[in-house]
Amino acid sequence: MKCCFCGRECGEYGNNPYPLSENENDKCCDSCNSNVIAMRLISPEKISSTLGITIDEAELRYVIFKDMLIDRCKNGE
């Protein structure tokens, strides 16, 4: 089975890549899974309250962060 981000082998079972990938059939390798876990730990609400910004601004930052993590996975970081 290949990682949906970087294409590396992800073993027999792989990891659930949600929320970086919303395709329920995708799996990711252990390396990319660390980025997936980082994304699971934040939310627009947490960003808003931590930074003292509006929820709209927090949602924009959330999307930017998600895109950055997907790029990191695809580049093997």
Protein backbone atom coordinates (compact mmCIF):
# COMPACT_ATOMS: atom_id res chain seq x y z
CA MET A 1 0.00 0.00 0.00
CA LYS A 2 1.34 3.45 -0.95
CA CYS A 3 1.07 6.67 1.02
CA CYS A 4 -1.51 9.03 -0.52
CA PHE A 5 0.87 11.98 -0.01
CA CYS A 6 4.46 10.94 -0.66
CA GLY A 7 4.03 7.58 -2.40
CA ARG A 8 6.19 5.66 0.09
CA GLU A 9 5.16 2.23 1.31
CA CYS A 10 2.93 2.49 4.37
CA GLY A 11 2.89 -1.12 5.44
CA GLU A 12 0.04 -3.53 5.52
CA TYR A 13 -2.46 -1.18 7.16
CA GLY A 14 -1.15 2.38 6.92
CA ASN A 15 -2.58 5.30 8.89
CA ASN A 16 -5.79 7.26 8.54
CA PRO A 17 -4.84 10.53 6.79
CA TYR A 18 -7.95 12.49 7.85
CA PRO A 19 -8.17 15.54 7.97
CA LEU A 20 -5.38 16.12 5.45
CA SER A 21 -7.14 13.75 3.06
CA GLU A 22 -10.87 13.28 3.18
CA ASN A 23 -10.84 10.23 0.87
CA GLU A 24 -11.83 7.32 3.09
CA ASN A 25 -9.79 4.86 1.00
CA ASP A 26 -6.51 6.77 1.40
CA LYS A 27 -3.75 5.69 3.79
CA CYS A 28 -0.55 7.45 4.80
CA CYS A 29 2.90 6.35 5.96
CA ASP A 30 4.22 6.85 9.49
CA SER A 31 6.30 9.85 8.43
CA CYS A 32 3.33 11.72 6.95
CA ASN A 33 1.16 10.65 9.87
CA SER A 34 3.04 13.06 12.17
CA ASN A 35 1.72 15.93 10.02
CA VAL A 36 -1.78 14.44 10.13
CA ILE A 37 -1.64 14.33 13.93
CA ALA A 38 -0.52 17.98 14.04
CA MET A 39 -3.57 18.93 11.99
CA ARG A 40 -5.90 16.96 14.26
CA LEU A 41 -4.67 18.91 17.29
CA ILE A 42 -5.79 22.29 15.98
CA SER A 43 -9.11 23.78 14.93
CA PRO A 44 -10.25 27.19 13.79
CA GLU A 45 -11.80 27.67 17.23
CA LYS A 46 -8.48 26.94 18.99
CA ILE A 47 -6.62 29.26 16.63
CA SER A 48 -9.18 32.02 17.19
CA SER A 49 -9.05 31.82 20.98
CA THR A 50 -5.27 31.40 21.19
CA LEU A 51 -4.43 34.27 18.84
CA GLY A 52 -7.38 36.48 19.72
CA ILE A 53 -8.55 36.76 16.12
CA THR A 54 -11.93 36.39 14.45
CA ILE A 55 -13.18 32.94 13.50
CA ASP A 56 -13.08 33.97 9.82
CA GLU A 57 -9.38 34.83 10.05
CA ALA A 58 -8.77 31.62 12.02
CA GLU A 59 -10.49 29.53 9.35
CA LEU A 60 -8.26 31.09 6.69
CA ARG A 61 -5.14 30.31 8.75
CA TYR A 62 -6.40 26.76 9.28
CA VAL A 63 -6.69 26.21 5.51
CA ILE A 64 -3.23 27.70 4.95
CA PHE A 65 -1.75 25.44 7.65
CA LYS A 66 -3.49 22.40 6.17
CA ASP A 67 -2.10 23.17 2.70
CA MET A 68 1.38 23.66 4.19
CA LEU A 69 1.27 20.26 5.92
CA ILE A 70 0.09 18.53 2.74
CA ASP A 71 3.01 20.11 0.87
CA ARG A 72 5.41 18.91 3.59
CA CYS A 73 4.11 15.38 3.19
CA LYS A 74 4.43 15.47 -0.58
CA ASN A 75 8.01 16.72 -0.24
CA GLY A 76 8.89 13.93 2.19
CA GLU A 77 9.31 16.22 5.21
